[in-house]
Amino acid sequence: RFDIAFIGYSGFEKDGTVMDYDLEKIAVKQAAMRRAETSVIVGDCS
């Protein structure tokens, strides 16, 4: 159980959905988010 999870990503859909490429890595991200009290995505404006 995590108090906070920092998640990387590749981009967004127009509706704000967070997107990435590698399905296995996405599975890890999603598992961490399910176990986190707070999920934080980090990425520069590009």
ModelCIF file with pLDDT and N, C-alpha, C, O atoms, coordinates in Angstrom:
data_MODEL
#
_entry.id   MODEL 
#
_entity.id                         1 
_entity.type                       polymer 
_entity.pdbx_number_of_molecules   1 
#
_entity_poly.entity_id                      1 
_entity_poly.type                           'polypeptide(L)' 
_entity_poly.nstd_linkage                   no 
_entity_poly.nstd_monomer                   no 
_entity_poly.pdbx_seq_one_letter_code       RFDIAFIGYSGFEKDGTVMDYDLEKIAVKQAAMRRAETSVIVGDCS 
_entity_poly.pdbx_seq_one_letter_code_can   RFDIAFIGYSGFEKDGTVMDYDLEKIAVKQAAMRRAETSVIVGDCS 
_entity_poly.pdbx_strand_id                 A 
#
loop_
_entity_poly_seq.entity_id 
_entity_poly_seq.num 
_entity_poly_seq.mon_id 
_entity_poly_seq.hetero 
1 1  ARG n 
1 2  PHE n 
1 3  ASP n 
1 4  ILE n 
1 5  ALA n 
1 6  PHE n 
1 7  ILE n 
1 8  GLY n 
1 9  TYR n 
1 10 SER n 
1 11 GLY n 
1 12 PHE n 
1 13 GLU n 
1 14 LYS n 
1 15 ASP n 
1 16 GLY n 
1 17 THR n 
1 18 VAL n 
1 19 MET n 
1 20 ASP n 
1 21 TYR n 
1 22 ASP n 
1 23 LEU n 
1 24 GLU n 
1 25 LYS n 
1 26 ILE n 
1 27 ALA n 
1 28 VAL n 
1 29 LYS n 
1 30 GLN n 
1 31 ALA n 
1 32 ALA n 
1 33 MET n 
1 34 ARG n 
1 35 ARG n 
1 36 ALA n 
1 37 GLU n 
1 38 THR n 
1 39 SER n 
1 40 VAL n 
1 41 ILE n 
1 42 VAL n 
1 43 GLY n 
1 44 ASP n 
1 45 CYS n 
1 46 SER n 
#
_struct_asym.id          A 
_struct_asym.entity_id   1 
#
loop_
_ma_qa_metric.id 
_ma_qa_metric.mode 
_ma_qa_metric.name 
_ma_qa_metric.software_group_id 
_ma_qa_metric.type 
1 global pLDDT . pLDDT 
2 local  pLDDT . pLDDT 
#
_ma_qa_metric_global.metric_id      1 
_ma_qa_metric_global.metric_value   94.41 
_ma_qa_metric_global.model_id       1 
_ma_qa_metric_global.ordinal_id     1 
#
loop_
_ma_qa_metric_local.label_asym_id 
_ma_qa_metric_local.label_comp_id 
_ma_qa_metric_local.label_seq_id 
_ma_qa_metric_local.metric_id 
_ma_qa_metric_local.metric_value 
_ma_qa_metric_local.model_id 
_ma_qa_metric_local.ordinal_id 
A ARG 1  2 98.00 1 1  
A PHE 2  2 98.00 1 2  
A ASP 3  2 98.00 1 3  
A ILE 4  2 98.00 1 4  
A ALA 5  2 98.00 1 5  
A PHE 6  2 98.00 1 6  
A ILE 7  2 98.00 1 7  
A GLY 8  2 95.00 1 8  
A TYR 9  2 94.00 1 9  
A SER 10 2 89.00 1 10 
A GLY 11 2 91.00 1 11 
A PHE 12 2 94.00 1 12 
A GLU 13 2 92.00 1 13 
A LYS 14 2 92.00 1 14 
A ASP 15 2 95.00 1 15 
A GLY 16 2 96.00 1 16 
A THR 17 2 96.00 1 17 
A VAL 18 2 96.00 1 18 
A MET 19 2 92.00 1 19 
A ASP 20 2 89.00 1 20 
A TYR 21 2 81.00 1 21 
A ASP 22 2 83.00 1 22 
A LEU 23 2 86.00 1 23 
A GLU 24 2 90.00 1 24 
A LYS 25 2 92.00 1 25 
A ILE 26 2 92.00 1 26 
A ALA 27 2 95.00 1 27 
A VAL 28 2 97.00 1 28 
A LYS 29 2 97.00 1 29 
A GLN 30 2 97.00 1 30 
A ALA 31 2 98.00 1 31 
A ALA 32 2 98.00 1 32 
A MET 33 2 98.00 1 33 
A ARG 34 2 97.00 1 34 
A ARG 35 2 98.00 1 35 
A ALA 36 2 98.00 1 36 
A GLU 37 2 97.00 1 37 
A THR 38 2 97.00 1 38 
A SER 39 2 98.00 1 39 
A VAL 40 2 98.00 1 40 
A ILE 41 2 98.00 1 41 
A VAL 42 2 97.00 1 42 
A GLY 43 2 94.00 1 43 
A ASP 44 2 92.00 1 44 
A CYS 45 2 91.00 1 45 
A SER 46 2 87.00 1 46 
#
loop_
_atom_site.group_PDB 
_atom_site.id 
_atom_site.type_symbol 
_atom_site.label_atom_id 
_atom_site.label_alt_id 
_atom_site.label_comp_id 
_atom_site.label_asym_id 
_atom_site.label_entity_id 
_atom_site.label_seq_id 
_atom_site.pdbx_PDB_ins_code 
_atom_site.Cartn_x 
_atom_site.Cartn_y 
_atom_site.Cartn_z 
_atom_site.occupancy 
_atom_site.B_iso_or_equiv 
_atom_site.pdbx_formal_charge 
_atom_site.auth_seq_id 
_atom_site.auth_comp_id 
_atom_site.auth_asym_id 
_atom_site.auth_atom_id 
_atom_site.pdbx_PDB_model_num 
ATOM 1   N N  . ARG A 1 1  ? 0.859   -1.181 0.000   1.00 98.00 ? 1  ARG A N  1 
ATOM 2   C CA . ARG A 1 1  ? 0.000   0.000  0.000   1.00 98.00 ? 1  ARG A CA 1 
ATOM 3   C C  . ARG A 1 1  ? 0.896   1.233  0.000   1.00 98.00 ? 1  ARG A C  1 
ATOM 4   O O  . ARG A 1 1  ? 1.773   1.371  0.853   1.00 98.00 ? 1  ARG A O  1 
ATOM 5   N N  . PHE A 1 2  ? 0.674   2.122  -0.957  1.00 98.00 ? 2  PHE A N  1 
ATOM 6   C CA . PHE A 1 2  ? 1.494   3.326  -1.101  1.00 98.00 ? 2  PHE A CA 1 
ATOM 7   C C  . PHE A 1 2  ? 0.722   4.559  -0.656  1.00 98.00 ? 2  PHE A C  1 
ATOM 8   O O  . PHE A 1 2  ? -0.474  4.691  -0.916  1.00 98.00 ? 2  PHE A O  1 
ATOM 9   N N  . ASP A 1 3  ? 1.429   5.457  0.019   1.00 98.00 ? 3  ASP A N  1 
ATOM 10  C CA . ASP A 1 3  ? 0.819   6.750  0.321   1.00 98.00 ? 3  ASP A CA 1 
ATOM 11  C C  . ASP A 1 3  ? 0.741   7.611  -0.933  1.00 98.00 ? 3  ASP A C  1 
ATOM 12  O O  . ASP A 1 3  ? -0.230  8.337  -1.144  1.00 98.00 ? 3  ASP A O  1 
ATOM 13  N N  . ILE A 1 4  ? 1.783   7.519  -1.762  1.00 98.00 ? 4  ILE A N  1 
ATOM 14  C CA . ILE A 1 4  ? 1.838   8.331  -2.978  1.00 98.00 ? 4  ILE A CA 1 
ATOM 15  C C  . ILE A 1 4  ? 2.593   7.567  -4.062  1.00 98.00 ? 4  ILE A C  1 
ATOM 16  O O  . ILE A 1 4  ? 3.619   6.944  -3.789  1.00 98.00 ? 4  ILE A O  1 
ATOM 17  N N  . ALA A 1 5  ? 2.086   7.618  -5.286  1.00 98.00 ? 5  ALA A N  1 
ATOM 18  C CA . ALA A 1 5  ? 2.726   6.952  -6.423  1.00 98.00 ? 5  ALA A CA 1 
ATOM 19  C C  . ALA A 1 5  ? 3.020   7.992  -7.492  1.00 98.00 ? 5  ALA A C  1 
ATOM 20  O O  . ALA A 1 5  ? 2.136   8.750  -7.890  1.00 98.00 ? 5  ALA A O  1 
ATOM 21  N N  . PHE A 1 6  ? 4.262   8.025  -7.956  1.00 98.00 ? 6  PHE A N  1 
ATOM 22  C CA . PHE A 1 6  ? 4.658   8.918  -9.041  1.00 98.00 ? 6  PHE A CA 1 
ATOM 23  C C  . PHE A 1 6  ? 4.728   8.104  -10.328 1.00 98.00 ? 6  PHE A C  1 
ATOM 24  O O  . PHE A 1 6  ? 5.481   7.136  -10.429 1.00 98.00 ? 6  PHE A O  1 
ATOM 25  N N  . ILE A 1 7  ? 3.938   8.511  -11.294 1.00 98.00 ? 7  ILE A N  1 
ATOM 26  C CA . ILE A 1 7  ? 3.733   7.739  -12.513 1.00 98.00 ? 7  ILE A CA 1 
ATOM 27  C C  . ILE A 1 7  ? 4.209   8.538  -13.726 1.00 98.00 ? 7  ILE A C  1 
ATOM 28  O O  . ILE A 1 7  ? 3.868   9.710  -13.890 1.00 98.00 ? 7  ILE A O  1 
ATOM 29  N N  . GLY A 1 8  ? 5.006   7.881  -14.573 1.00 95.00 ? 8  GLY A N  1 
ATOM 30  C CA . GLY A 1 8  ? 5.410   8.482  -15.836 1.00 95.00 ? 8  GLY A CA 1 
ATOM 31  C C  . GLY A 1 8  ? 4.411   8.139  -16.932 1.00 95.00 ? 8  GLY A C  1 
ATOM 32  O O  . GLY A 1 8  ? 3.612   7.215  -16.776 1.00 95.00 ? 8  GLY A O  1 
ATOM 33  N N  . TYR A 1 9  ? 4.449   8.867  -18.027 1.00 94.00 ? 9  TYR A N  1 
ATOM 34  C CA . TYR A 1 9  ? 3.504   8.651  -19.122 1.00 94.00 ? 9  TYR A CA 1 
ATOM 35  C C  . TYR A 1 9  ? 4.087   9.232  -20.400 1.00 94.00 ? 9  TYR A C  1 
ATOM 36  O O  . TYR A 1 9  ? 5.129   9.888  -20.376 1.00 94.00 ? 9  TYR A O  1 
ATOM 37  N N  . SER A 1 10 ? 3.400   8.984  -21.534 1.00 89.00 ? 10 SER A N  1 
ATOM 38  C CA . SER A 1 10 ? 3.891   9.470  -22.828 1.00 89.00 ? 10 SER A CA 1 
ATOM 39  C C  . SER A 1 10 ? 3.082   10.627 -23.389 1.00 89.00 ? 10 SER A C  1 
ATOM 40  O O  . SER A 1 10 ? 3.618   11.451 -24.129 1.00 89.00 ? 10 SER A O  1 
ATOM 41  N N  . GLY A 1 11 ? 1.794   10.702 -23.048 1.00 91.00 ? 11 GLY A N  1 
ATOM 42  C CA . GLY A 1 11 ? 0.975   11.772 -23.603 1.00 91.00 ? 11 GLY A CA 1 
ATOM 43  C C  . GLY A 1 11 ? -0.464  11.663 -23.141 1.00 91.00 ? 11 GLY A C  1 
ATOM 44  O O  . GLY A 1 11 ? -0.777  10.951 -22.187 1.00 91.00 ? 11 GLY A O  1 
ATOM 45  N N  . PHE A 1 12 ? -1.341  12.389 -23.840 1.00 94.00 ? 12 PHE A N  1 
ATOM 46  C CA . PHE A 1 12 ? -2.749  12.457 -23.470 1.00 94.00 ? 12 PHE A CA 1 
ATOM 47  C C  . PHE A 1 12 ? -3.644  12.316 -24.693 1.00 94.00 ? 12 PHE A C  1 
ATOM 48  O O  . PHE A 1 12 ? -3.265  12.683 -25.806 1.00 94.00 ? 12 PHE A O  1 
ATOM 49  N N  . GLU A 1 13 ? -4.832  11.781 -24.468 1.00 92.00 ? 13 GLU A N  1 
ATOM 50  C CA . GLU A 1 13 ? -5.894  11.911 -25.444 1.00 92.00 ? 13 GLU A CA 1 
ATOM 51  C C  . GLU A 1 13 ? -6.524  13.298 -25.259 1.00 92.00 ? 13 GLU A C  1 
ATOM 52  O O  . GLU A 1 13 ? -6.232  13.990 -24.283 1.00 92.00 ? 13 GLU A O  1 
ATOM 53  N N  . LYS A 1 14 ? -7.381  13.696 -26.190 1.00 92.00 ? 14 LYS A N  1 
ATOM 54  C CA . LYS A 1 14 ? -7.989  15.028 -26.110 1.00 92.00 ? 14 LYS A CA 1 
ATOM 55  C C  . LYS A 1 14 ? -8.854  15.198 -24.867 1.00 92.00 ? 14 LYS A C  1 
ATOM 56  O O  . LYS A 1 14 ? -9.030  16.313 -24.375 1.00 92.00 ? 14 LYS A O  1 
ATOM 57  N N  . ASP A 1 15 ? -9.401  14.078 -24.352 1.00 95.00 ? 15 ASP A N  1 
ATOM 58  C CA . ASP A 1 15 ? -10.260 14.158 -23.169 1.00 95.00 ? 15 ASP A CA 1 
ATOM 59  C C  . ASP A 1 15 ? -9.472  14.084 -21.867 1.00 95.00 ? 15 ASP A C  1 
ATOM 60  O O  . ASP A 1 15 ? -10.058 13.991 -20.789 1.00 95.00 ? 15 ASP A O  1 
ATOM 61  N N  . GLY A 1 16 ? -8.130  14.125 -21.964 1.00 96.00 ? 16 GLY A N  1 
ATOM 62  C CA . GLY A 1 16 ? -7.303  14.102 -20.763 1.00 96.00 ? 16 GLY A CA 1 
ATOM 63  C C  . GLY A 1 16 ? -6.891  12.727 -20.307 1.00 96.00 ? 16 GLY A C  1 
ATOM 64  O O  . GLY A 1 16 ? -6.182  12.604 -19.308 1.00 96.00 ? 16 GLY A O  1 
ATOM 65  N N  . THR A 1 17 ? -7.312  11.679 -21.007 1.00 96.00 ? 17 THR A N  1 
ATOM 66  C CA . THR A 1 17 ? -6.890  10.328 -20.650 1.00 96.00 ? 17 THR A CA 1 
ATOM 67  C C  . THR A 1 17 ? -5.372  10.213 -20.766 1.00 96.00 ? 17 THR A C  1 
ATOM 68  O O  . THR A 1 17 ? -4.786  10.640 -21.761 1.00 96.00 ? 17 THR A O  1 
ATOM 69  N N  . VAL A 1 18 ? -4.747  9.640  -19.753 1.00 96.00 ? 18 VAL A N  1 
ATOM 70  C CA . VAL A 1 18 ? -3.289  9.483  -19.722 1.00 96.00 ? 18 VAL A CA 1 
ATOM 71  C C  . VAL A 1 18 ? -2.905  8.262  -20.555 1.00 96.00 ? 18 VAL A C  1 
ATOM 72  O O  . VAL A 1 18 ? -3.493  7.191  -20.400 1.00 96.00 ? 18 VAL A O  1 
ATOM 73  N N  . MET A 1 19 ? -1.906  8.425  -21.448 1.00 92.00 ? 19 MET A N  1 
ATOM 74  C CA . MET A 1 19 ? -1.571  7.387  -22.411 1.00 92.00 ? 19 MET A CA 1 
ATOM 75  C C  . MET A 1 19 ? -0.093  7.004  -22.340 1.00 92.00 ? 19 MET A C  1 
ATOM 76  O O  . MET A 1 19 ? 0.750   7.776  -21.886 1.00 92.00 ? 19 MET A O  1 
ATOM 77  N N  . ASP A 1 20 ? 0.191   5.781  -22.805 1.00 89.00 ? 20 ASP A N  1 
ATOM 78  C CA . ASP A 1 20 ? 1.575   5.323  -22.918 1.00 89.00 ? 20 ASP A CA 1 
ATOM 79  C C  . ASP A 1 20 ? 1.630   4.252  -24.013 1.00 89.00 ? 20 ASP A C  1 
ATOM 80  O O  . ASP A 1 20 ? 0.641   4.025  -24.711 1.00 89.00 ? 20 ASP A O  1 
ATOM 81  N N  . TYR A 1 21 ? 2.791   3.592  -24.162 1.00 81.00 ? 21 TYR A N  1 
ATOM 82  C CA . TYR A 1 21 ? 2.998   2.646  -25.255 1.00 81.00 ? 21 TYR A CA 1 
ATOM 83  C C  . TYR A 1 21 ? 3.110   1.201  -24.816 1.00 81.00 ? 21 TYR A C  1 
ATOM 84  O O  . TYR A 1 21 ? 2.434   0.333  -25.368 1.00 81.00 ? 21 TYR A O  1 
ATOM 85  N N  . ASP A 1 22 ? 3.951   0.930  -23.833 1.00 83.00 ? 22 ASP A N  1 
ATOM 86  C CA . ASP A 1 22 ? 4.308   -0.440 -23.480 1.00 83.00 ? 22 ASP A CA 1 
ATOM 87  C C  . ASP A 1 22 ? 3.247   -1.037 -22.553 1.00 83.00 ? 22 ASP A C  1 
ATOM 88  O O  . ASP A 1 22 ? 3.055   -0.559 -21.435 1.00 83.00 ? 22 ASP A O  1 
ATOM 89  N N  . LEU A 1 23 ? 2.563   -2.079 -23.020 1.00 86.00 ? 23 LEU A N  1 
ATOM 90  C CA . LEU A 1 23 ? 1.446   -2.641 -22.253 1.00 86.00 ? 23 LEU A CA 1 
ATOM 91  C C  . LEU A 1 23 ? 1.901   -3.250 -20.929 1.00 86.00 ? 23 LEU A C  1 
ATOM 92  O O  . LEU A 1 23 ? 1.187   -3.165 -19.931 1.00 86.00 ? 23 LEU A O  1 
ATOM 93  N N  . GLU A 1 24 ? 3.085   -3.862 -20.914 1.00 90.00 ? 24 GLU A N  1 
ATOM 94  C CA . GLU A 1 24 ? 3.564   -4.458 -19.664 1.00 90.00 ? 24 GLU A CA 1 
ATOM 95  C C  . GLU A 1 24 ? 3.891   -3.375 -18.635 1.00 90.00 ? 24 GLU A C  1 
ATOM 96  O O  . GLU A 1 24 ? 3.610   -3.540 -17.448 1.00 90.00 ? 24 GLU A O  1 
ATOM 97  N N  . LYS A 1 25 ? 4.476   -2.282 -19.082 1.00 92.00 ? 25 LYS A N  1 
ATOM 98  C CA . LYS A 1 25 ? 4.772   -1.188 -18.160 1.00 92.00 ? 25 LYS A CA 1 
ATOM 99  C C  . LYS A 1 25 ? 3.487   -0.512 -17.694 1.00 92.00 ? 25 LYS A C  1 
ATOM 100 O O  . LYS A 1 25 ? 3.384   -0.092 -16.541 1.00 92.00 ? 25 LYS A O  1 
ATOM 101 N N  . ILE A 1 26 ? 2.511   -0.408 -18.587 1.00 92.00 ? 26 ILE A N  1 
ATOM 102 C CA . ILE A 1 26 ? 1.217   0.166  -18.204 1.00 92.00 ? 26 ILE A CA 1 
ATOM 103 C C  . ILE A 1 26 ? 0.571   -0.680 -17.115 1.00 92.00 ? 26 ILE A C  1 
ATOM 104 O O  . ILE A 1 26 ? -0.044  -0.136 -16.198 1.00 92.00 ? 26 ILE A O  1 
ATOM 105 N N  . ALA A 1 27 ? 0.700   -1.998 -17.200 1.00 95.00 ? 27 ALA A N  1 
ATOM 106 C CA . ALA A 1 27 ? 0.133   -2.879 -16.170 1.00 95.00 ? 27 ALA A CA 1 
ATOM 107 C C  . ALA A 1 27 ? 0.747   -2.591 -14.811 1.00 95.00 ? 27 ALA A C  1 
ATOM 108 O O  . ALA A 1 27 ? 0.050   -2.638 -13.798 1.00 95.00 ? 27 ALA A O  1 
ATOM 109 N N  . VAL A 1 28 ? 2.041   -2.293 -14.771 1.00 97.00 ? 28 VAL A N  1 
ATOM 110 C CA . VAL A 1 28 ? 2.705   -1.942 -13.511 1.00 97.00 ? 28 VAL A CA 1 
ATOM 111 C C  . VAL A 1 28 ? 2.186   -0.603 -12.994 1.00 97.00 ? 28 VAL A C  1 
ATOM 112 O O  . VAL A 1 28 ? 1.897   -0.463 -11.805 1.00 97.00 ? 28 VAL A O  1 
ATOM 113 N N  . LYS A 1 29 ? 2.069   0.376  -13.883 1.00 97.00 ? 29 LYS A N  1 
ATOM 114 C CA . LYS A 1 29 ? 1.554   1.691  -13.484 1.00 97.00 ? 29 LYS A CA 1 
ATOM 115 C C  . LYS A 1 29 ? 0.155   1.551  -12.876 1.00 97.00 ? 29 LYS A C  1 
ATOM 116 O O  . LYS A 1 29 ? -0.135  2.118  -11.822 1.00 97.00 ? 29 LYS A O  1 
ATOM 117 N N  . GLN A 1 30 ? -0.694  0.798  -13.549 1.00 97.00 ? 30 GLN A N  1 
ATOM 118 C CA . GLN A 1 30 ? -2.075  0.645  -13.083 1.00 97.00 ? 30 GLN A CA 1 
ATOM 119 C C  . GLN A 1 30 ? -2.140  -0.093 -11.747 1.00 97.00 ? 30 GLN A C  1 
ATOM 120 O O  . GLN A 1 30 ? -2.963  0.238  -10.893 1.00 97.00 ? 30 GLN A O  1 
ATOM 121 N N  . ALA A 1 31 ? -1.284  -1.079 -11.566 1.00 98.00 ? 31 ALA A N  1 
ATOM 122 C CA . ALA A 1 31 ? -1.245  -1.792 -10.283 1.00 98.00 ? 31 ALA A CA 1 
ATOM 123 C C  . ALA A 1 31 ? -0.848  -0.850 -9.158  1.00 98.00 ? 31 ALA A C  1 
ATOM 124 O O  . ALA A 1 31 ? -1.429  -0.892 -8.073  1.00 98.00 ? 31 ALA A O  1 
ATOM 125 N N  . ALA A 1 32 ? 0.145   0.005  -9.414  1.00 98.00 ? 32 ALA A N  1 
ATOM 126 C CA . ALA A 1 32 ? 0.584   0.964  -8.395  1.00 98.00 ? 32 ALA A CA 1 
ATOM 127 C C  . ALA A 1 32 ? -0.511  1.964  -8.069  1.00 98.00 ? 32 ALA A C  1 
ATOM 128 O O  . ALA A 1 32 ? -0.714  2.307  -6.904  1.00 98.00 ? 32 ALA A O  1 
ATOM 129 N N  . MET A 1 33 ? -1.216  2.433  -9.088  1.00 98.00 ? 33 MET A N  1 
ATOM 130 C CA . MET A 1 33 ? -2.284  3.402  -8.858  1.00 98.00 ? 33 MET A CA 1 
ATOM 131 C C  . MET A 1 33 ? -3.428  2.806  -8.044  1.00 98.00 ? 33 MET A C  1 
ATOM 132 O O  . MET A 1 33 ? -4.031  3.485  -7.213  1.00 98.00 ? 33 MET A O  1 
ATOM 133 N N  . ARG A 1 34 ? -3.720  1.539  -8.290  1.00 97.00 ? 34 ARG A N  1 
ATOM 134 C CA . ARG A 1 34 ? -4.779  0.885  -7.506  1.00 97.00 ? 34 ARG A CA 1 
ATOM 135 C C  . ARG A 1 34 ? -4.415  0.787  -6.038  1.00 97.00 ? 34 ARG A C  1 
ATOM 136 O O  . ARG A 1 34 ? -5.300  0.761  -5.183  1.00 97.00 ? 34 ARG A O  1 
ATOM 137 N N  . ARG A 1 35 ? -3.121  0.732  -5.731  1.00 98.00 ? 35 ARG A N  1 
ATOM 138 C CA . ARG A 1 35 ? -2.665  0.555  -4.351  1.00 98.00 ? 35 ARG A CA 1 
ATOM 139 C C  . ARG A 1 35 ? -2.231  1.871  -3.697  1.00 98.00 ? 35 ARG A C  1 
ATOM 140 O O  . ARG A 1 35 ? -1.736  1.868  -2.570  1.00 98.00 ? 35 ARG A O  1 
ATOM 141 N N  . ALA A 1 36 ? -2.413  2.985  -4.394  1.00 98.00 ? 36 ALA A N  1 
ATOM 142 C CA . ALA A 1 36 ? -1.922  4.271  -3.881  1.00 98.00 ? 36 ALA A CA 1 
ATOM 143 C C  . ALA A 1 36 ? -3.055  5.143  -3.356  1.00 98.00 ? 36 ALA A C  1 
ATOM 144 O O  . ALA A 1 36 ? -4.130  5.224  -3.949  1.00 98.00 ? 36 ALA A O  1 
ATOM 145 N N  . GLU A 1 37 ? -2.786  5.786  -2.236  1.00 97.00 ? 37 GLU A N  1 
ATOM 146 C CA . GLU A 1 37 ? -3.722  6.778  -1.707  1.00 97.00 ? 37 GLU A CA 1 
ATOM 147 C C  . GLU A 1 37 ? -3.786  7.983  -2.636  1.00 97.00 ? 37 GLU A C  1 
ATOM 148 O O  . GLU A 1 37 ? -4.861  8.529  -2.882  1.00 97.00 ? 37 GLU A O  1 
ATOM 149 N N  . THR A 1 38 ? -2.627  8.396  -3.152  1.00 97.00 ? 38 THR A N  1 
ATOM 150 C CA . THR A 1 38 ? -2.534  9.546  -4.052  1.00 97.00 ? 38 THR A CA 1 
ATOM 151 C C  . THR A 1 38 ? -1.692  9.155  -5.263  1.00 97.00 ? 38 THR A C  1 
ATOM 152 O O  . THR A 1 38 ? -0.575  8.660  -5.113  1.00 97.00 ? 38 THR A O  1 
ATOM 153 N N  . SER A 1 39 ? -2.224  9.375  -6.455  1.00 98.00 ? 39 SER A N  1 
ATOM 154 C CA . SER A 1 39 ? -1.491  9.095  -7.691  1.00 98.00 ? 39 SER A CA 1 
ATOM 155 C C  . SER A 1 39 ? -1.117  10.407 -8.363  1.00 98.00 ? 39 SER A C  1 
ATOM 156 O O  . SER A 1 39 ? -1.975  11.258 -8.599  1.00 98.00 ? 39 SER A O  1 
ATOM 157 N N  . VAL A 1 40 ? 0.167   10.568 -8.671  1.00 98.00 ? 40 VAL A N  1 
ATOM 158 C CA . VAL A 1 40 ? 0.684   11.811 -9.248  1.00 98.00 ? 40 VAL A CA 1 
ATOM 159 C C  . VAL A 1 40 ? 1.400   11.474 -10.552 1.00 98.00 ? 40 VAL A C  1 
ATOM 160 O O  . VAL A 1 40 ? 2.328   10.664 -10.564 1.00 98.00 ? 40 VAL A O  1 
ATOM 161 N N  . ILE A 1 41 ? 0.971   12.090 -11.645 1.00 98.00 ? 41 ILE A N  1 
ATOM 162 C CA . ILE A 1 41 ? 1.697   11.915 -12.900 1.00 98.00 ? 41 ILE A CA 1 
ATOM 163 C C  . ILE A 1 41 ? 2.678   13.069 -13.055 1.00 98.00 ? 41 ILE A C  1 
ATOM 164 O O  . ILE A 1 41 ? 2.381   14.202 -12.678 1.00 98.00 ? 41 ILE A O  1 
ATOM 165 N N  . VAL A 1 42 ? 3.853   12.771 -13.615 1.00 97.00 ? 42 VAL A N  1 
ATOM 166 C CA . VAL A 1 42 ? 4.897   13.778 -13.767 1.00 97.00 ? 42 VAL A CA 1 
ATOM 167 C C  . VAL A 1 42 ? 5.390   13.777 -15.214 1.00 97.00 ? 42 VAL A C  1 
ATOM 168 O O  . VAL A 1 42 ? 5.694   12.726 -15.778 1.00 97.00 ? 42 VAL A O  1 
ATOM 169 N N  . GLY A 1 43 ? 5.465   14.973 -15.804 1.00 94.00 ? 43 GLY A N  1 
ATOM 170 C CA . GLY A 1 43 ? 5.935   15.073 -17.182 1.00 94.00 ? 43 GLY A CA 1 
ATOM 171 C C  . GLY A 1 43 ? 6.033   16.515 -17.623 1.00 94.00 ? 43 GLY A C  1 
ATOM 172 O O  . GLY A 1 43 ? 5.250   17.354 -17.179 1.00 94.00 ? 43 GLY A O  1 
ATOM 173 N N  . ASP A 1 44 ? 6.987   16.817 -18.495 1.00 92.00 ? 44 ASP A N  1 
ATOM 174 C CA . ASP A 1 44 ? 7.140   18.198 -18.958 1.00 92.00 ? 44 ASP A CA 1 
ATOM 175 C C  . ASP A 1 44 ? 6.094   18.530 -20.024 1.00 92.00 ? 44 ASP A C  1 
ATOM 176 O O  . ASP A 1 44 ? 5.380   17.653 -20.508 1.00 92.00 ? 44 ASP A O  1 
ATOM 177 N N  . CYS A 1 45 ? 6.021   19.806 -20.375 1.00 91.00 ? 45 CYS A N  1 
ATOM 178 C CA . CYS A 1 45 ? 4.936   20.301 -21.219 1.00 91.00 ? 45 CYS A CA 1 
ATOM 179 C C  . CYS A 1 45 ? 4.962   19.749 -22.642 1.00 91.00 ? 45 CYS A C  1 
ATOM 180 O O  . CYS A 1 45 ? 3.951   19.840 -23.339 1.00 91.00 ? 45 CYS A O  1 
ATOM 181 N N  . SER A 1 46 ? 6.073   19.183 -23.099 1.00 87.00 ? 46 SER A N  1 
ATOM 182 C CA . SER A 1 46 ? 6.112   18.620 -24.448 1.00 87.00 ? 46 SER A CA 1 
ATOM 183 C C  . SER A 1 46 ? 5.117   17.472 -24.593 1.00 87.00 ? 46 SER A C  1 
ATOM 184 O O  . SER A 1 46 ? 5.013   16.877 -25.666 1.00 87.00 ? 46 SER A O  1 
#
